[in-house]
PDB file of all heavy atoms in Angstrom:
ATOM      1  N   ASP A   1      -3.459   6.737  -6.626  1.00  0.00           N
ATOM      2  CA  ASP A   1      -3.307   7.902  -5.881  1.00  0.00           C
ATOM      3  C   ASP A   1      -2.308   7.877  -4.911  1.00  0.00           C
ATOM      4  O   ASP A   1      -1.769   8.982  -4.502  1.00  0.00           O
ATOM      5  CB  ASP A   1      -4.690   8.245  -5.204  1.00  0.00           C
ATOM      6  CG  ASP A   1      -5.770   8.446  -6.235  1.00  0.00           C
ATOM      7  OD1 ASP A   1      -5.613   8.688  -7.357  1.00  0.00           O
ATOM      8  OD2 ASP A   1      -7.042   8.216  -5.776  1.00  0.00           O
ATOM      9  N   ARG A   2      -1.983   6.681  -4.455  1.00  0.00           N
ATOM     10  CA  ARG A   2      -0.810   6.634  -3.352  1.00  0.00           C
ATOM     11  C   ARG A   2      -1.175   7.507  -2.113  1.00  0.00           C
ATOM     12  O   ARG A   2      -0.307   8.242  -1.659  1.00  0.00           O
ATOM     13  CB  ARG A   2       0.442   6.950  -3.887  1.00  0.00           C
ATOM     14  CG  ARG A   2       0.765   5.886  -5.158  1.00  0.00           C
ATOM     15  CD  ARG A   2       2.087   6.144  -5.688  1.00  0.00           C
ATOM     16  NE  ARG A   2       2.188   5.285  -6.991  1.00  0.00           N
ATOM     17  CZ  ARG A   2       2.983   5.498  -8.000  1.00  0.00           C
ATOM     18  NH1 ARG A   2       3.768   6.585  -7.916  1.00  0.00           N
ATOM     19  NH2 ARG A   2       3.112   4.712  -9.002  1.00  0.00           N
ATOM     20  N   ASP A   3      -2.289   7.387  -1.715  1.00  0.00           N
ATOM     21  CA  ASP A   3      -2.803   8.138  -0.592  1.00  0.00           C
ATOM     22  C   ASP A   3      -3.107   7.371   0.634  1.00  0.00           C
ATOM     23  O   ASP A   3      -4.149   6.543   0.736  1.00  0.00           O
ATOM     24  CB  ASP A   3      -4.129   8.907  -1.071  1.00  0.00           C
ATOM     25  CG  ASP A   3      -4.732   9.779   0.020  1.00  0.00           C
ATOM     26  OD1 ASP A   3      -4.293   9.713   1.182  1.00  0.00           O
ATOM     27  OD2 ASP A   3      -5.587  10.574  -0.287  1.00  0.00           O
ATOM     28  N   GLU A   4      -2.284   7.337   1.625  1.00  0.00           N
ATOM     29  CA  GLU A   4      -2.379   6.474   2.808  1.00  0.00           C
ATOM     30  C   GLU A   4      -3.620   6.772   3.634  1.00  0.00           C
ATOM     31  O   GLU A   4      -4.180   5.909   4.210  1.00  0.00           O
ATOM     32  CB  GLU A   4      -1.019   6.591   3.680  1.00  0.00           C
ATOM     33  CG  GLU A   4       0.153   6.073   2.964  1.00  0.00           C
ATOM     34  CD  GLU A   4       0.143   4.671   2.572  1.00  0.00           C
ATOM     35  OE1 GLU A   4      -0.516   3.817   3.411  1.00  0.00           O
ATOM     36  OE2 GLU A   4       0.713   4.309   1.482  1.00  0.00           O
ATOM     37  N   ASN A   5      -4.083   7.995   3.660  1.00  0.00           N
ATOM     38  CA  ASN A   5      -5.359   8.235   4.364  1.00  0.00           C
ATOM     39  C   ASN A   5      -6.545   7.618   3.682  1.00  0.00           C
ATOM     40  O   ASN A   5      -7.334   7.055   4.414  1.00  0.00           O
ATOM     41  CB  ASN A   5      -5.647   9.777   4.291  1.00  0.00           C
ATOM     42  CG  ASN A   5      -4.663  10.566   5.158  1.00  0.00           C
ATOM     43  OD1 ASN A   5      -4.079  10.018   6.204  1.00  0.00           O
ATOM     44  ND2 ASN A   5      -4.214  11.763   4.757  1.00  0.00           N
ATOM     45  N   GLN A   6      -6.618   7.487   2.406  1.00  0.00           N
ATOM     46  CA  GLN A   6      -7.553   6.875   1.758  1.00  0.00           C
ATOM     47  C   GLN A   6      -7.491   5.257   1.833  1.00  0.00           C
ATOM     48  O   GLN A   6      -8.465   4.594   2.055  1.00  0.00           O
ATOM     49  CB  GLN A   6      -7.543   7.201   0.199  1.00  0.00           C
ATOM     50  CG  GLN A   6      -8.148   8.492  -0.122  1.00  0.00           C
ATOM     51  CD  GLN A   6      -9.654   8.614   0.145  1.00  0.00           C
ATOM     52  OE1 GLN A   6     -10.456   7.752  -0.143  1.00  0.00           O
ATOM     53  NE2 GLN A   6     -10.016   9.716   0.860  1.00  0.00           N
ATOM     54  N   VAL A   7      -6.255   4.830   1.827  1.00  0.00           N
ATOM     55  CA  VAL A   7      -6.017   3.342   2.100  1.00  0.00           C
ATOM     56  C   VAL A   7      -6.571   2.892   3.467  1.00  0.00           C
ATOM     57  O   VAL A   7      -7.129   1.922   3.477  1.00  0.00           O
ATOM     58  CB  VAL A   7      -4.538   3.059   2.001  1.00  0.00           C
ATOM     59  CG1 VAL A   7      -4.158   1.649   2.402  1.00  0.00           C
ATOM     60  CG2 VAL A   7      -3.955   3.252   0.529  1.00  0.00           C
ATOM     61  N   ALA A   8      -6.279   3.766   4.426  1.00  0.00           N
ATOM     62  CA  ALA A   8      -6.809   3.388   5.826  1.00  0.00           C
ATOM     63  C   ALA A   8      -8.276   3.207   5.804  1.00  0.00           C
ATOM     64  O   ALA A   8      -8.763   2.434   6.652  1.00  0.00           O
ATOM     65  CB  ALA A   8      -6.314   4.442   6.729  1.00  0.00           C
ATOM     66  N   LEU A   9      -9.062   3.860   4.829  1.00  0.00           N
ATOM     67  CA  LEU A   9     -10.527   3.742   4.935  1.00  0.00           C
ATOM     68  C   LEU A   9     -10.949   2.365   4.435  1.00  0.00           C
ATOM     69  O   LEU A   9     -12.048   1.881   4.762  1.00  0.00           O
ATOM     70  CB  LEU A   9     -11.125   4.788   4.036  1.00  0.00           C
ATOM     71  CG  LEU A   9     -10.948   6.167   4.399  1.00  0.00           C
ATOM     72  CD1 LEU A   9     -11.406   7.097   3.273  1.00  0.00           C
ATOM     73  CD2 LEU A   9     -11.517   6.502   5.773  1.00  0.00           C
ATOM     74  N   TYR A  10     -10.096   1.655   3.652  1.00  0.00           N
ATOM     75  CA  TYR A  10     -10.488   0.362   3.077  1.00  0.00           C
ATOM     76  C   TYR A  10      -9.687  -0.745   3.573  1.00  0.00           C
ATOM     77  O   TYR A  10      -9.852  -2.005   3.270  1.00  0.00           O
ATOM     78  CB  TYR A  10     -10.335   0.426   1.577  1.00  0.00           C
ATOM     79  CG  TYR A  10     -11.150   1.491   0.981  1.00  0.00           C
ATOM     80  CD1 TYR A  10     -10.472   2.656   0.471  1.00  0.00           C
ATOM     81  CD2 TYR A  10     -12.549   1.459   0.934  1.00  0.00           C
ATOM     82  CE1 TYR A  10     -11.167   3.768  -0.013  1.00  0.00           C
ATOM     83  CE2 TYR A  10     -13.249   2.498   0.436  1.00  0.00           C
ATOM     84  CZ  TYR A  10     -12.656   3.604  -0.150  1.00  0.00           C
ATOM     85  OH  TYR A  10     -13.348   4.704  -0.570  1.00  0.00           O
ATOM     86  N   ALA A  11      -8.683  -0.539   4.468  1.00  0.00           N
ATOM     87  CA  ALA A  11      -7.819  -1.578   5.036  1.00  0.00           C
ATOM     88  C   ALA A  11      -8.372  -2.177   6.297  1.00  0.00           C
ATOM     89  O   ALA A  11      -9.100  -1.509   7.019  1.00  0.00           O
ATOM     90  CB  ALA A  11      -6.384  -1.108   5.278  1.00  0.00           C
ATOM     91  N   CYS A  12      -7.993  -3.420   6.654  1.00  0.00           N
ATOM     92  CA  CYS A  12      -8.369  -3.976   7.850  1.00  0.00           C
ATOM     93  C   CYS A  12      -7.967  -3.170   9.101  1.00  0.00           C
ATOM     94  O   CYS A  12      -6.902  -2.443   9.064  1.00  0.00           O
ATOM     95  CB  CYS A  12      -7.674  -5.250   8.055  1.00  0.00           C
ATOM     96  SG  CYS A  12      -8.499  -6.648   7.218  1.00  0.00           S
ATOM     97  N   LYS A  13      -8.742  -3.142  10.062  1.00  0.00           N
ATOM     98  CA  LYS A  13      -8.431  -2.425  11.292  1.00  0.00           C
ATOM     99  C   LYS A  13      -7.203  -2.991  11.997  1.00  0.00           C
ATOM    100  O   LYS A  13      -6.400  -2.231  12.667  1.00  0.00           O
ATOM    101  CB  LYS A  13      -9.687  -2.509  12.331  1.00  0.00           C
ATOM    102  CG  LYS A  13     -10.826  -1.772  11.677  1.00  0.00           C
ATOM    103  CD  LYS A  13     -12.097  -1.928  12.655  1.00  0.00           C
ATOM    104  CE  LYS A  13     -13.218  -1.193  12.082  1.00  0.00           C
ATOM    105  NZ  LYS A  13     -14.363  -1.354  12.890  1.00  0.00           N
ATOM    106  N   SER A  14      -6.954  -4.224  11.888  1.00  0.00           N
ATOM    107  CA  SER A  14      -5.657  -4.835  12.517  1.00  0.00           C
ATOM    108  C   SER A  14      -5.406  -6.211  11.705  1.00  0.00           C
ATOM    109  O   SER A  14      -6.336  -6.800  11.139  1.00  0.00           O
ATOM    110  CB  SER A  14      -5.815  -5.162  13.980  1.00  0.00           C
ATOM    111  OG  SER A  14      -6.898  -6.030  14.234  1.00  0.00           O
ATOM    112  N   GLY A  15      -4.095  -6.468  11.819  1.00  0.00           N
ATOM    113  CA  GLY A  15      -3.684  -7.790  11.176  1.00  0.00           C
ATOM    114  C   GLY A  15      -3.627  -7.705   9.668  1.00  0.00           C
ATOM    115  O   GLY A  15      -3.494  -8.762   9.059  1.00  0.00           O
ATOM    116  N   ALA A  16      -3.453  -6.587   9.034  1.00  0.00           N
ATOM    117  CA  ALA A  16      -3.312  -6.417   7.610  1.00  0.00           C
ATOM    118  C   ALA A  16      -1.941  -6.957   7.161  1.00  0.00           C
ATOM    119  O   ALA A  16      -0.890  -6.590   7.983  1.00  0.00           O
ATOM    120  CB  ALA A  16      -3.549  -5.021   7.084  1.00  0.00           C
ATOM    121  N   ASP A  17      -1.725  -7.554   6.031  1.00  0.00           N
ATOM    122  CA  ASP A  17      -0.444  -7.897   5.522  1.00  0.00           C
ATOM    123  C   ASP A  17      -0.338  -7.416   4.031  1.00  0.00           C
ATOM    124  O   ASP A  17      -0.936  -8.080   3.053  1.00  0.00           O
ATOM    125  CB  ASP A  17      -0.319  -9.464   5.548  1.00  0.00           C
ATOM    126  CG  ASP A  17       1.001  -9.813   4.983  1.00  0.00           C
ATOM    127  OD1 ASP A  17       1.915  -9.052   4.773  1.00  0.00           O
ATOM    128  OD2 ASP A  17       1.143 -11.123   4.538  1.00  0.00           O
ATOM    129  N   PHE A  18       0.379  -6.297   3.919  1.00  0.00           N
ATOM    130  CA  PHE A  18       0.396  -5.678   2.466  1.00  0.00           C
ATOM    131  C   PHE A  18       1.978  -5.668   2.048  1.00  0.00           C
ATOM    132  O   PHE A  18       2.326  -4.883   1.310  1.00  0.00           O
ATOM    133  CB  PHE A  18      -0.057  -4.246   2.529  1.00  0.00           C
ATOM    134  CG  PHE A  18      -1.534  -4.110   2.887  1.00  0.00           C
ATOM    135  CD1 PHE A  18      -1.960  -3.324   3.869  1.00  0.00           C
ATOM    136  CD2 PHE A  18      -2.496  -4.909   2.290  1.00  0.00           C
ATOM    137  CE1 PHE A  18      -3.318  -3.257   4.300  1.00  0.00           C
ATOM    138  CE2 PHE A  18      -3.820  -4.837   2.502  1.00  0.00           C
ATOM    139  CZ  PHE A  18      -4.302  -3.941   3.535  1.00  0.00           C
ATOM    140  N   ALA A  19       2.645  -6.676   2.485  1.00  0.00           N
ATOM    141  CA  ALA A  19       4.110  -6.713   2.182  1.00  0.00           C
ATOM    142  C   ALA A  19       4.305  -6.820   0.661  1.00  0.00           C
ATOM    143  O   ALA A  19       5.149  -6.137   0.113  1.00  0.00           O
ATOM    144  CB  ALA A  19       4.807  -7.829   2.850  1.00  0.00           C
ATOM    145  N   GLU A  20       3.520  -7.780   0.035  1.00  0.00           N
ATOM    146  CA  GLU A  20       3.740  -7.975  -1.348  1.00  0.00           C
ATOM    147  C   GLU A  20       3.319  -6.780  -2.272  1.00  0.00           C
ATOM    148  O   GLU A  20       3.975  -6.336  -3.154  1.00  0.00           O
ATOM    149  CB  GLU A  20       3.058  -9.217  -1.887  1.00  0.00           C
ATOM    150  CG  GLU A  20       3.708 -10.538  -1.470  1.00  0.00           C
ATOM    151  CD  GLU A  20       3.087 -11.727  -2.163  1.00  0.00           C
ATOM    152  OE1 GLU A  20       2.923 -11.753  -3.385  1.00  0.00           O
ATOM    153  OE2 GLU A  20       2.596 -12.714  -1.372  1.00  0.00           O
ATOM    154  N   ILE A  21       2.092  -6.235  -1.984  1.00  0.00           N
ATOM    155  CA  ILE A  21       1.757  -5.140  -2.790  1.00  0.00           C
ATOM    156  C   ILE A  21       2.596  -3.796  -2.314  1.00  0.00           C
ATOM    157  O   ILE A  21       2.722  -2.984  -3.280  1.00  0.00           O
ATOM    158  CB  ILE A  21       0.222  -4.849  -2.513  1.00  0.00           C
ATOM    159  CG1 ILE A  21      -0.282  -4.002  -3.737  1.00  0.00           C
ATOM    160  CG2 ILE A  21      -0.081  -4.205  -1.288  1.00  0.00           C
ATOM    161  CD1 ILE A  21      -1.780  -4.206  -4.032  1.00  0.00           C
ATOM    162  N   ALA A  22       3.093  -3.754  -1.228  1.00  0.00           N
ATOM    163  CA  ALA A  22       4.051  -2.713  -0.812  1.00  0.00           C
ATOM    164  C   ALA A  22       5.354  -2.841  -1.601  1.00  0.00           C
ATOM    165  O   ALA A  22       5.800  -1.791  -2.179  1.00  0.00           O
ATOM    166  CB  ALA A  22       4.362  -2.688   0.636  1.00  0.00           C
ATOM    167  N   ALA A  23       5.735  -4.051  -1.887  1.00  0.00           N
ATOM    168  CA  ALA A  23       7.038  -4.185  -2.630  1.00  0.00           C
ATOM    169  C   ALA A  23       6.706  -3.851  -4.211  1.00  0.00           C
ATOM    170  O   ALA A  23       7.534  -3.235  -4.882  1.00  0.00           O
ATOM    171  CB  ALA A  23       7.474  -5.557  -2.486  1.00  0.00           C
ATOM    172  N   PHE A  24       5.480  -4.188  -4.570  1.00  0.00           N
ATOM    173  CA  PHE A  24       5.024  -3.843  -5.952  1.00  0.00           C
ATOM    174  C   PHE A  24       4.957  -2.386  -6.265  1.00  0.00           C
ATOM    175  O   PHE A  24       5.400  -1.905  -7.174  1.00  0.00           O
ATOM    176  CB  PHE A  24       3.645  -4.561  -6.205  1.00  0.00           C
ATOM    177  CG  PHE A  24       3.009  -4.310  -7.489  1.00  0.00           C
ATOM    178  CD1 PHE A  24       3.542  -5.006  -8.622  1.00  0.00           C
ATOM    179  CD2 PHE A  24       2.057  -3.374  -7.653  1.00  0.00           C
ATOM    180  CE1 PHE A  24       2.944  -4.769  -9.878  1.00  0.00           C
ATOM    181  CE2 PHE A  24       1.433  -3.258  -8.960  1.00  0.00           C
ATOM    182  CZ  PHE A  24       1.888  -3.901 -10.044  1.00  0.00           C
ATOM    183  N   ARG A  25       4.426  -1.736  -5.214  1.00  0.00           N
ATOM    184  CA  ARG A  25       4.293  -0.249  -5.333  1.00  0.00           C
ATOM    185  C   ARG A  25       5.699   0.483  -5.359  1.00  0.00           C
ATOM    186  O   ARG A  25       5.935   1.366  -5.960  1.00  0.00           O
ATOM    187  CB  ARG A  25       3.440   0.306  -4.284  1.00  0.00           C
ATOM    188  CG  ARG A  25       3.272   1.828  -4.401  1.00  0.00           C
ATOM    189  CD  ARG A  25       2.199   2.419  -3.425  1.00  0.00           C
ATOM    190  NE  ARG A  25       2.702   2.507  -2.097  1.00  0.00           N
ATOM    191  CZ  ARG A  25       1.980   3.107  -1.131  1.00  0.00           C
ATOM    192  NH1 ARG A  25       0.788   3.613  -1.383  1.00  0.00           N
ATOM    193  NH2 ARG A  25       2.511   3.073   0.080  1.00  0.00           N
ATOM    194  N   ALA A  26       6.601  -0.017  -4.417  1.00  0.00           N
ATOM    195  CA  ALA A  26       7.947   0.410  -4.265  1.00  0.00           C
ATOM    196  C   ALA A  26       8.668   0.254  -5.621  1.00  0.00           C
ATOM    197  O   ALA A  26       9.424   1.207  -6.112  1.00  0.00           O
ATOM    198  CB  ALA A  26       8.644  -0.227  -3.105  1.00  0.00           C
ATOM    199  N   ASP A  27       8.497  -0.912  -6.273  1.00  0.00           N
ATOM    200  CA  ASP A  27       9.106  -1.144  -7.491  1.00  0.00           C
ATOM    201  C   ASP A  27       8.548  -0.108  -8.522  1.00  0.00           C
ATOM    202  O   ASP A  27       9.286   0.433  -9.439  1.00  0.00           O
ATOM    203  CB  ASP A  27       8.803  -2.602  -8.007  1.00  0.00           C
ATOM    204  CG  ASP A  27       9.437  -2.892  -9.290  1.00  0.00           C
ATOM    205  OD1 ASP A  27      10.690  -2.756  -9.477  1.00  0.00           O
ATOM    206  OD2 ASP A  27       8.713  -3.224 -10.275  1.00  0.00           O
ATOM    207  N   LEU A  28       7.258   0.069  -8.678  1.00  0.00           N
ATOM    208  CA  LEU A  28       6.698   1.064  -9.438  1.00  0.00           C
ATOM    209  C   LEU A  28       7.317   2.411  -9.308  1.00  0.00           C
ATOM    210  O   LEU A  28       7.700   3.127 -10.335  1.00  0.00           O
ATOM    211  CB  LEU A  28       5.151   1.217  -9.284  1.00  0.00           C
ATOM    212  CG  LEU A  28       4.269   0.080  -9.753  1.00  0.00           C
ATOM    213  CD1 LEU A  28       2.741   0.412  -9.462  1.00  0.00           C
ATOM    214  CD2 LEU A  28       4.329  -0.067 -11.289  1.00  0.00           C
ATOM    215  N   ILE A  29       7.284   2.904  -8.120  1.00  0.00           N
ATOM    216  CA  ILE A  29       7.946   4.278  -7.731  1.00  0.00           C
ATOM    217  C   ILE A  29       9.390   4.328  -8.188  1.00  0.00           C
ATOM    218  O   ILE A  29       9.873   5.368  -8.799  1.00  0.00           O
ATOM    219  CB  ILE A  29       7.700   4.514  -6.342  1.00  0.00           C
ATOM    220  CG1 ILE A  29       6.242   4.738  -6.023  1.00  0.00           C
ATOM    221  CG2 ILE A  29       8.513   5.771  -5.836  1.00  0.00           C
ATOM    222  CD1 ILE A  29       5.883   4.747  -4.580  1.00  0.00           C
ATOM    223  N   ALA A  30      10.156   3.207  -7.962  1.00  0.00           N
ATOM    224  CA  ALA A  30      11.483   3.249  -8.370  1.00  0.00           C
ATOM    225  C   ALA A  30      11.744   3.267  -9.715  1.00  0.00           C
ATOM    226  O   ALA A  30      12.604   4.030 -10.299  1.00  0.00           O
ATOM    227  CB  ALA A  30      12.280   2.033  -7.671  1.00  0.00           C
ATOM    228  N   ARG A  31      10.975   2.577 -10.507  1.00  0.00           N
ATOM    229  CA  ARG A  31      10.990   2.582 -12.064  1.00  0.00           C
ATOM    230  C   ARG A  31      10.555   3.840 -12.547  1.00  0.00           C
ATOM    231  O   ARG A  31      11.203   4.388 -13.568  1.00  0.00           O
ATOM    232  CB  ARG A  31      10.110   1.481 -12.636  1.00  0.00           C
ATOM    233  CG  ARG A  31      10.627   0.071 -12.412  1.00  0.00           C
ATOM    234  CD  ARG A  31       9.812  -1.056 -12.962  1.00  0.00           C
ATOM    235  NE  ARG A  31      10.280  -2.322 -12.470  1.00  0.00           N
ATOM    236  CZ  ARG A  31      10.967  -3.178 -13.313  1.00  0.00           C
ATOM    237  NH1 ARG A  31      11.368  -2.663 -14.444  1.00  0.00           N
ATOM    238  NH2 ARG A  31      11.336  -4.291 -12.839  1.00  0.00           N
ATOM    239  N   GLU A  32       9.646   4.457 -12.025  1.00  0.00           N
ATOM    240  CA  GLU A  32       9.186   5.884 -12.466  1.00  0.00           C
ATOM    241  C   GLU A  32      10.338   6.887 -12.214  1.00  0.00           C
ATOM    242  O   GLU A  32      10.582   7.686 -13.135  1.00  0.00           O
ATOM    243  CB  GLU A  32       7.970   6.377 -11.647  1.00  0.00           C
ATOM    244  CG  GLU A  32       6.695   5.634 -12.106  1.00  0.00           C
ATOM    245  CD  GLU A  32       5.366   6.016 -11.302  1.00  0.00           C
ATOM    246  OE1 GLU A  32       5.714   6.533 -10.249  1.00  0.00           O
ATOM    247  OE2 GLU A  32       4.344   5.928 -11.847  1.00  0.00           O
TER     248      GLU A  32
END
């Protein structure tokens, strides 16, 4: 869905590290 509001419901309140999955999603978007 790529919905940041929904992501916030399931992500850590602090100290989250989503660098790798963010790169993965950016690659998906670029290829699309």
